[in-house]
Amino acid sequence: MEAKLSKERDRKSTILLEGMRLVAEGVAASLEMKSIFFTNIEVLAGLELNSLVARGTKLYKVSPKHMKVWSDTVAPSGLMGQF
């Protein structure tokens, strides 16, 4: 995942935010959300998906195994947003 690598983040001006609170703060700050990665549909509750998809945000369902590899936390929340 390119947003995890500092060099790629700087080059492409992207950041990966994990968890509902940080993702919601990114949306509230009017950051351009490029992608949402989630492990199950329930973790998306509370996000205005129709609005995000209409603006071009791509949704990707990933396995918990992949989420754990990408995560910086011990117990991943199952939600990441690429801004």
PDB file of N, CA and C in Angstrom:
ATOM      1  N   MET A   1       0.843  -1.167   0.000  1.00  0.00           N
ATOM      2  CA  MET A   1       0.000   0.000   0.000  1.00  0.00           C
ATOM      3  C   MET A   1       0.889   1.232   0.000  1.00  0.00           C
ATOM      4  N   GLU A   2       0.795   2.000  -1.067  1.00  0.00           N
ATOM      5  CA  GLU A   2       1.690   3.129  -1.285  1.00  0.00           C
ATOM      6  C   GLU A   2       1.573   4.210  -0.220  1.00  0.00           C
ATOM      7  N   ALA A   3       0.398   4.422   0.359  1.00  0.00           N
ATOM      8  CA  ALA A   3       0.219   5.480   1.344  1.00  0.00           C
ATOM      9  C   ALA A   3       0.930   5.184   2.656  1.00  0.00           C
ATOM     10  N   LYS A   4       1.332   3.938   2.869  1.00  0.00           N
ATOM     11  CA  LYS A   4       2.062   3.571   4.076  1.00  0.00           C
ATOM     12  C   LYS A   4       3.536   3.942   3.965  1.00  0.00           C
ATOM     13  N   LEU A   5       4.063   4.060   2.770  1.00  0.00           N
ATOM     14  CA  LEU A   5       5.466   4.353   2.571  1.00  0.00           C
ATOM     15  C   LEU A   5       5.689   5.859   2.533  1.00  0.00           C
ATOM     16  N   SER A   6       6.529   6.381   3.429  1.00  0.00           N
ATOM     17  CA  SER A   6       6.753   7.811   3.541  1.00  0.00           C
ATOM     18  C   SER A   6       7.151   8.443   2.218  1.00  0.00           C
ATOM     19  N   LYS A   7       8.044   7.810   1.497  1.00  0.00           N
ATOM     20  CA  LYS A   7       8.511   8.341   0.217  1.00  0.00           C
ATOM     21  C   LYS A   7       7.352   8.490  -0.772  1.00  0.00           C
ATOM     22  N   GLU A   8       6.505   7.471  -0.859  1.00  0.00           N
ATOM     23  CA  GLU A   8       5.359   7.508  -1.770  1.00  0.00           C
ATOM     24  C   GLU A   8       4.306   8.500  -1.304  1.00  0.00           C
ATOM     25  N   ARG A   9       4.096   8.599   0.020  1.00  0.00           N
ATOM     26  CA  ARG A   9       3.142   9.573   0.559  1.00  0.00           C
ATOM     27  C   ARG A   9       3.533  10.976   0.146  1.00  0.00           C
ATOM     28  N   ASP A  10       4.812  11.296   0.304  1.00  0.00           N
ATOM     29  CA  ASP A  10       5.294  12.630  -0.033  1.00  0.00           C
ATOM     30  C   ASP A  10       5.203  12.883  -1.537  1.00  0.00           C
ATOM     31  N   ARG A  11       5.582  11.906  -2.332  1.00  0.00           N
ATOM     32  CA  ARG A  11       5.582  12.066  -3.777  1.00  0.00           C
ATOM     33  C   ARG A  11       4.172  12.225  -4.330  1.00  0.00           C
ATOM     34  N   LYS A  12       3.232  11.471  -3.805  1.00  0.00           N
ATOM     35  CA  LYS A  12       1.857  11.488  -4.321  1.00  0.00           C
ATOM     36  C   LYS A  12       0.906  12.310  -3.465  1.00  0.00           C
ATOM     37  N   SER A  13       1.420  12.923  -2.411  1.00  0.00           N
ATOM     38  CA  SER A  13       0.595  13.744  -1.515  1.00  0.00           C
ATOM     39  C   SER A  13      -0.616  12.971  -0.996  1.00  0.00           C
ATOM     40  N   THR A  14      -0.372  11.785  -0.473  1.00  0.00           N
ATOM     41  CA  THR A  14      -1.454  10.979   0.090  1.00  0.00           C
ATOM     42  C   THR A  14      -1.151  10.642   1.543  1.00  0.00           C
ATOM     43  N   ILE A  15      -2.206  10.350   2.265  1.00  0.00           N
ATOM     44  CA  ILE A  15      -2.071   9.905   3.644  1.00  0.00           C
ATOM     45  C   ILE A  15      -3.126   8.828   3.882  1.00  0.00           C
ATOM     46  N   LEU A  16      -2.803   7.874   4.724  1.00  0.00           N
ATOM     47  CA  LEU A  16      -3.712   6.793   5.073  1.00  0.00           C
ATOM     48  C   LEU A  16      -4.156   6.992   6.515  1.00  0.00           C
ATOM     49  N   LEU A  17      -5.459   7.196   6.728  1.00  0.00           N
ATOM     50  CA  LEU A  17      -6.001   7.374   8.065  1.00  0.00           C
ATOM     51  C   LEU A  17      -6.780   6.128   8.447  1.00  0.00           C
ATOM     52  N   GLU A  18      -6.584   5.698   9.690  1.00  0.00           N
ATOM     53  CA  GLU A  18      -7.201   4.447  10.143  1.00  0.00           C
ATOM     54  C   GLU A  18      -8.197   4.701  11.265  1.00  0.00           C
ATOM     55  N   GLY A  19      -9.344   4.031  11.173  1.00  0.00           N
ATOM     56  CA  GLY A  19     -10.364   4.118  12.210  1.00  0.00           C
ATOM     57  C   GLY A  19     -11.429   5.145  11.869  1.00  0.00           C
ATOM     58  N   MET A  20     -12.618   4.933  12.411  1.00  0.00           N
ATOM     59  CA  MET A  20     -13.752   5.794  12.100  1.00  0.00           C
ATOM     60  C   MET A  20     -13.502   7.240  12.485  1.00  0.00           C
ATOM     61  N   ARG A  21     -12.933   7.489  13.654  1.00  0.00           N
ATOM     62  CA  ARG A  21     -12.738   8.867  14.101  1.00  0.00           C
ATOM     63  C   ARG A  21     -11.827   9.637  13.149  1.00  0.00           C
ATOM     64  N   LEU A  22     -10.681   9.060  12.799  1.00  0.00           N
ATOM     65  CA  LEU A  22      -9.753   9.756  11.918  1.00  0.00           C
ATOM     66  C   LEU A  22     -10.301   9.905  10.503  1.00  0.00           C
ATOM     67  N   VAL A  23     -10.957   8.873  10.002  1.00  0.00           N
ATOM     68  CA  VAL A  23     -11.558   8.958   8.666  1.00  0.00           C
ATOM     69  C   VAL A  23     -12.638  10.035   8.652  1.00  0.00           C
ATOM     70  N   ALA A  24     -13.489  10.064   9.667  1.00  0.00           N
ATOM     71  CA  ALA A  24     -14.548  11.080   9.749  1.00  0.00           C
ATOM     72  C   ALA A  24     -13.951  12.482   9.855  1.00  0.00           C
ATOM     73  N   GLU A  25     -12.848  12.627  10.577  1.00  0.00           N
ATOM     74  CA  GLU A  25     -12.188  13.936  10.684  1.00  0.00           C
ATOM     75  C   GLU A  25     -11.615  14.366   9.330  1.00  0.00           C
ATOM     76  N   GLY A  26     -11.059  13.416   8.574  1.00  0.00           N
ATOM     77  CA  GLY A  26     -10.564  13.722   7.230  1.00  0.00           C
ATOM     78  C   GLY A  26     -11.673  14.204   6.326  1.00  0.00           C
ATOM     79  N   VAL A  27     -12.820  13.553   6.390  1.00  0.00           N
ATOM     80  CA  VAL A  27     -13.977  13.956   5.587  1.00  0.00           C
ATOM     81  C   VAL A  27     -14.460  15.339   6.040  1.00  0.00           C
ATOM     82  N   ALA A  28     -14.553  15.553   7.361  1.00  0.00           N
ATOM     83  CA  ALA A  28     -15.013  16.834   7.897  1.00  0.00           C
ATOM     84  C   ALA A  28     -14.069  17.977   7.523  1.00  0.00           C
ATOM     85  N   ALA A  29     -12.788  17.666   7.359  1.00  0.00           N
ATOM     86  CA  ALA A  29     -11.797  18.676   6.990  1.00  0.00           C
ATOM     87  C   ALA A  29     -11.772  18.923   5.484  1.00  0.00           C
ATOM     88  N   SER A  30     -12.691  18.287   4.770  1.00  0.00           N
ATOM     89  CA  SER A  30     -12.809  18.427   3.307  1.00  0.00           C
ATOM     90  C   SER A  30     -11.585  17.926   2.556  1.00  0.00           C
ATOM     91  N   LEU A  31     -10.887  16.936   3.132  1.00  0.00           N
ATOM     92  CA  LEU A  31      -9.799  16.304   2.403  1.00  0.00           C
ATOM     93  C   LEU A  31     -10.398  15.458   1.289  1.00  0.00           C
ATOM     94  N   GLU A  32      -9.717  15.342   0.183  1.00  0.00           N
ATOM     95  CA  GLU A  32     -10.204  14.524  -0.928  1.00  0.00           C
ATOM     96  C   GLU A  32      -9.942  13.049  -0.603  1.00  0.00           C
ATOM     97  N   MET A  33     -11.013  12.280  -0.392  1.00  0.00           N
ATOM     98  CA  MET A  33     -10.867  10.864  -0.098  1.00  0.00           C
ATOM     99  C   MET A  33     -10.790  10.103  -1.415  1.00  0.00           C
ATOM    100  N   LYS A  34      -9.685   9.407  -1.609  1.00  0.00           N
ATOM    101  CA  LYS A  34      -9.489   8.655  -2.843  1.00  0.00           C
ATOM    102  C   LYS A  34     -10.042   7.243  -2.732  1.00  0.00           C
ATOM    103  N   SER A  35      -9.833   6.592  -1.569  1.00  0.00           N
ATOM    104  CA  SER A  35     -10.243   5.193  -1.399  1.00  0.00           C
ATOM    105  C   SER A  35     -10.640   4.930   0.044  1.00  0.00           C
ATOM    106  N   ILE A  36     -11.546   3.971   0.207  1.00  0.00           N
ATOM    107  CA  ILE A  36     -11.900   3.440   1.517  1.00  0.00           C
ATOM    108  C   ILE A  36     -11.619   1.944   1.478  1.00  0.00           C
ATOM    109  N   PHE A  37     -10.909   1.461   2.481  1.00  0.00           N
ATOM    110  CA  PHE A  37     -10.636   0.033   2.626  1.00  0.00           C
ATOM    111  C   PHE A  37     -11.352  -0.424   3.886  1.00  0.00           C
ATOM    112  N   PHE A  38     -12.124  -1.513   3.777  1.00  0.00           N
ATOM    113  CA  PHE A  38     -12.893  -1.988   4.927  1.00  0.00           C
ATOM    114  C   PHE A  38     -12.930  -3.506   4.938  1.00  0.00           C
ATOM    115  N   THR A  39     -13.115  -4.060   6.149  1.00  0.00           N
ATOM    116  CA  THR A  39     -13.163  -5.515   6.290  1.00  0.00           C
ATOM    117  C   THR A  39     -14.592  -6.043   6.267  1.00  0.00           C
ATOM    118  N   ASN A  40     -15.550  -5.256   6.753  1.00  0.00           N
ATOM    119  CA  ASN A  40     -16.963  -5.639   6.654  1.00  0.00           C
ATOM    120  C   ASN A  40     -17.814  -4.381   6.561  1.00  0.00           C
ATOM    121  N   ILE A  41     -18.964  -4.526   5.987  1.00  0.00           N
ATOM    122  CA  ILE A  41     -19.832  -3.392   5.660  1.00  0.00           C
ATOM    123  C   ILE A  41     -20.272  -2.620   6.898  1.00  0.00           C
ATOM    124  N   GLU A  42     -20.343  -3.276   8.037  1.00  0.00           N
ATOM    125  CA  GLU A  42     -20.808  -2.615   9.257  1.00  0.00           C
ATOM    126  C   GLU A  42     -19.892  -1.468   9.680  1.00  0.00           C
ATOM    127  N   VAL A  43     -18.599  -1.554   9.369  1.00  0.00           N
ATOM    128  CA  VAL A  43     -17.676  -0.486   9.780  1.00  0.00           C
ATOM    129  C   VAL A  43     -17.895   0.802   8.993  1.00  0.00           C
ATOM    130  N   LEU A  44     -18.677   0.741   7.929  1.00  0.00           N
ATOM    131  CA  LEU A  44     -18.948   1.925   7.118  1.00  0.00           C
ATOM    132  C   LEU A  44     -20.127   2.747   7.631  1.00  0.00           C
ATOM    133  N   ALA A  45     -20.844   2.210   8.624  1.00  0.00           N
ATOM    134  CA  ALA A  45     -21.990   2.931   9.188  1.00  0.00           C
ATOM    135  C   ALA A  45     -21.502   4.271   9.730  1.00  0.00           C
ATOM    136  N   GLY A  46     -22.233   5.313   9.414  1.00  0.00           N
ATOM    137  CA  GLY A  46     -21.852   6.635   9.890  1.00  0.00           C
ATOM    138  C   GLY A  46     -21.162   7.479   8.834  1.00  0.00           C
ATOM    139  N   LEU A  47     -20.698   6.856   7.757  1.00  0.00           N
ATOM    140  CA  LEU A  47     -20.101   7.612   6.659  1.00  0.00           C
ATOM    141  C   LEU A  47     -21.167   7.844   5.598  1.00  0.00           C
ATOM    142  N   GLU A  48     -21.144   8.981   4.974  1.00  0.00           N
ATOM    143  CA  GLU A  48     -22.098   9.288   3.905  1.00  0.00           C
ATOM    144  C   GLU A  48     -21.564   8.692   2.604  1.00  0.00           C
ATOM    145  N   LEU A  49     -21.785   7.398   2.431  1.00  0.00           N
ATOM    146  CA  LEU A  49     -21.210   6.678   1.296  1.00  0.00           C
ATOM    147  C   LEU A  49     -21.688   7.196  -0.046  1.00  0.00           C
ATOM    148  N   ASN A  50     -22.965   7.490  -0.166  1.00  0.00           N
ATOM    149  CA  ASN A  50     -23.472   7.966  -1.457  1.00  0.00           C
ATOM    150  C   ASN A  50     -22.747   9.228  -1.893  1.00  0.00           C
ATOM    151  N   SER A  51     -22.531  10.122  -0.956  1.00  0.00           N
ATOM    152  CA  SER A  51     -21.837  11.372  -1.257  1.00  0.00           C
ATOM    153  C   SER A  51     -20.373  11.108  -1.633  1.00  0.00           C
ATOM    154  N   LEU A  52     -19.717  10.228  -0.889  1.00  0.00           N
ATOM    155  CA  LEU A  52     -18.313   9.926  -1.173  1.00  0.00           C
ATOM    156  C   LEU A  52     -18.145   9.244  -2.524  1.00  0.00           C
ATOM    157  N   VAL A  53     -19.004   8.282  -2.815  1.00  0.00           N
ATOM    158  CA  VAL A  53     -18.927   7.567  -4.096  1.00  0.00           C
ATOM    159  C   VAL A  53     -19.229   8.524  -5.245  1.00  0.00           C
ATOM    160  N   ALA A  54     -20.166   9.432  -5.040  1.00  0.00           N
ATOM    161  CA  ALA A  54     -20.495  10.407  -6.078  1.00  0.00           C
ATOM    162  C   ALA A  54     -19.299  11.305  -6.392  1.00  0.00           C
ATOM    163  N   ARG A  55     -18.435  11.507  -5.391  1.00  0.00           N
ATOM    164  CA  ARG A  55     -17.242  12.336  -5.609  1.00  0.00           C
ATOM    165  C   ARG A  55     -16.051  11.526  -6.114  1.00  0.00           C
ATOM    166  N   GLY A  56     -16.257  10.233  -6.369  1.00  0.00           N
ATOM    167  CA  GLY A  56     -15.200   9.422  -6.969  1.00  0.00           C
ATOM    168  C   GLY A  56     -14.408   8.551  -6.011  1.00  0.00           C
ATOM    169  N   THR A  57     -14.821   8.480  -4.747  1.00  0.00           N
ATOM    170  CA  THR A  57     -14.134   7.614  -3.789  1.00  0.00           C
ATOM    171  C   THR A  57     -14.368   6.161  -4.162  1.00  0.00           C
ATOM    172  N   LYS A  58     -13.302   5.383  -4.206  1.00  0.00           N
ATOM    173  CA  LYS A  58     -13.406   3.956  -4.515  1.00  0.00           C
ATOM    174  C   LYS A  58     -13.491   3.162  -3.215  1.00  0.00           C
ATOM    175  N   LEU A  59     -14.343   2.132  -3.204  1.00  0.00           N
ATOM    176  CA  LEU A  59     -14.517   1.270  -2.036  1.00  0.00           C
ATOM    177  C   LEU A  59     -13.859  -0.076  -2.308  1.00  0.00           C
ATOM    178  N   TYR A  60     -13.088  -0.563  -1.333  1.00  0.00           N
ATOM    179  CA  TYR A  60     -12.422  -1.852  -1.468  1.00  0.00           C
ATOM    180  C   TYR A  60     -12.661  -2.691  -0.219  1.00  0.00           C
ATOM    181  N   LYS A  61     -13.292  -3.837  -0.394  1.00  0.00           N
ATOM    182  CA  LYS A  61     -13.443  -4.790   0.713  1.00  0.00           C
ATOM    183  C   LYS A  61     -12.181  -5.646   0.737  1.00  0.00           C
ATOM    184  N   VAL A  62     -11.520  -5.670   1.881  1.00  0.00           N
ATOM    185  CA  VAL A  62     -10.268  -6.419   2.020  1.00  0.00           C
ATOM    186  C   VAL A  62     -10.393  -7.405   3.172  1.00  0.00           C
ATOM    187  N   SER A  63      -9.540  -8.384   3.172  1.00  0.00           N
ATOM    188  CA  SER A  63      -9.566  -9.386   4.241  1.00  0.00           C
ATOM    189  C   SER A  63      -8.972  -8.794   5.521  1.00  0.00           C
ATOM    190  N   PRO A  64      -9.407  -9.303   6.675  1.00  0.00           N
ATOM    191  CA  PRO A  64      -8.806  -8.860   7.935  1.00  0.00           C
ATOM    192  C   PRO A  64      -7.282  -9.085   7.947  1.00  0.00           C
ATOM    193  N   LYS A  65      -6.828 -10.120   7.261  1.00  0.00           N
ATOM    194  CA  LYS A  65      -5.395 -10.405   7.184  1.00  0.00           C
ATOM    195  C   LYS A  65      -4.651  -9.236   6.520  1.00  0.00           C
ATOM    196  N   HIS A  66      -5.183  -8.750   5.396  1.00  0.00           N
ATOM    197  CA  HIS A  66      -4.551  -7.612   4.718  1.00  0.00           C
ATOM    198  C   HIS A  66      -4.614  -6.351   5.580  1.00  0.00           C
ATOM    199  N   MET A  67      -5.749  -6.123   6.214  1.00  0.00           N
ATOM    200  CA  MET A  67      -5.901  -4.939   7.060  1.00  0.00           C
ATOM    201  C   MET A  67      -4.875  -4.959   8.183  1.00  0.00           C
ATOM    202  N   LYS A  68      -4.637  -6.128   8.757  1.00  0.00           N
ATOM    203  CA  LYS A  68      -3.670  -6.241   9.847  1.00  0.00           C
ATOM    204  C   LYS A  68      -2.256  -5.914   9.360  1.00  0.00           C
ATOM    205  N   VAL A  69      -1.922  -6.338   8.152  1.00  0.00           N
ATOM    206  CA  VAL A  69      -0.601  -6.044   7.585  1.00  0.00           C
ATOM    207  C   VAL A  69      -0.435  -4.538   7.387  1.00  0.00           C
ATOM    208  N   TRP A  70      -1.480  -3.876   6.913  1.00  0.00           N
ATOM    209  CA  TRP A  70      -1.408  -2.443   6.618  1.00  0.00           C
ATOM    210  C   TRP A  70      -1.499  -1.583   7.866  1.00  0.00           C
ATOM    211  N   SER A  71      -2.095  -2.111   8.926  1.00  0.00           N
ATOM    212  CA  SER A  71      -2.403  -1.327  10.115  1.00  0.00           C
ATOM    213  C   SER A  71      -1.171  -1.053  10.972  1.00  0.00           C
ATOM    214  N   ASP A  72      -1.216   0.096  11.656  1.00  0.00           N
ATOM    215  CA  ASP A  72      -0.187   0.432  12.628  1.00  0.00           C
ATOM    216  C   ASP A  72      -0.639   0.108  14.049  1.00  0.00           C
ATOM    217  N   THR A  73      -1.841  -0.450  14.195  1.00  0.00           N
ATOM    218  CA  THR A  73      -2.379  -0.743  15.518  1.00  0.00           C
ATOM    219  C   THR A  73      -2.354  -2.242  15.794  1.00  0.00           C
ATOM    220  N   VAL A  74      -2.437  -2.586  17.080  1.00  0.00           N
ATOM    221  CA  VAL A  74      -2.450  -3.991  17.490  1.00  0.00           C
ATOM    222  C   VAL A  74      -3.763  -4.655  17.092  1.00  0.00           C
ATOM    223  N   ALA A  75      -4.863  -3.925  17.279  1.00  0.00           N
ATOM    224  CA  ALA A  75      -6.190  -4.449  16.930  1.00  0.00           C
ATOM    225  C   ALA A  75      -6.820  -3.526  15.896  1.00  0.00           C
ATOM    226  N   PRO A  76      -6.623  -3.794  14.606  1.00  0.00           N
ATOM    227  CA  PRO A  76      -7.160  -2.922  13.551  1.00  0.00           C
ATOM    228  C   PRO A  76      -8.675  -2.766  13.639  1.00  0.00           C
ATOM    229  N   SER A  77      -9.129  -1.557  13.318  1.00  0.00           N
ATOM    230  CA  SER A  77     -10.563  -1.256  13.394  1.00  0.00           C
ATOM    231  C   SER A  77     -11.336  -1.796  12.198  1.00  0.00           C
ATOM    232  N   GLY A  78     -10.618  -2.112  11.119  1.00  0.00           N
ATOM    233  CA  GLY A  78     -11.297  -2.616   9.929  1.00  0.00           C
ATOM    234  C   GLY A  78     -11.687  -1.526   8.946  1.00  0.00           C
ATOM    235  N   LEU A  79     -11.180  -0.304   9.153  1.00  0.00           N
ATOM    236  CA  LEU A  79     -11.515   0.811   8.267  1.00  0.00           C
ATOM    237  C   LEU A  79     -10.298   1.705   8.067  1.00  0.00           C
ATOM    238  N   MET A  80      -9.978   1.992   6.820  1.00  0.00           N
ATOM    239  CA  MET A  80      -8.918   2.923   6.475  1.00  0.00           C
ATOM    240  C   MET A  80      -9.384   3.779   5.319  1.00  0.00           C
ATOM    241  N   GLY A  81      -8.953   5.017   5.313  1.00  0.00           N
ATOM    242  CA  GLY A  81      -9.258   5.923   4.232  1.00  0.00           C
ATOM    243  C   GLY A  81      -7.985   6.510   3.657  1.00  0.00           C
ATOM    244  N   GLN A  82      -7.875   6.497   2.341  1.00  0.00           N
ATOM    245  CA  GLN A  82      -6.729   7.106   1.669  1.00  0.00           C
ATOM    246  C   GLN A  82      -7.170   8.491   1.206  1.00  0.00           C
ATOM    247  N   PHE A  83      -6.494   9.514   1.684  1.00  0.00           N
ATOM    248  CA  PHE A  83      -6.825  10.900   1.373  1.00  0.00           C
ATOM    249  C   PHE A  83      -5.685  11.531   0.588  1.00  0.00           C
TER     250      PHE A  83
END
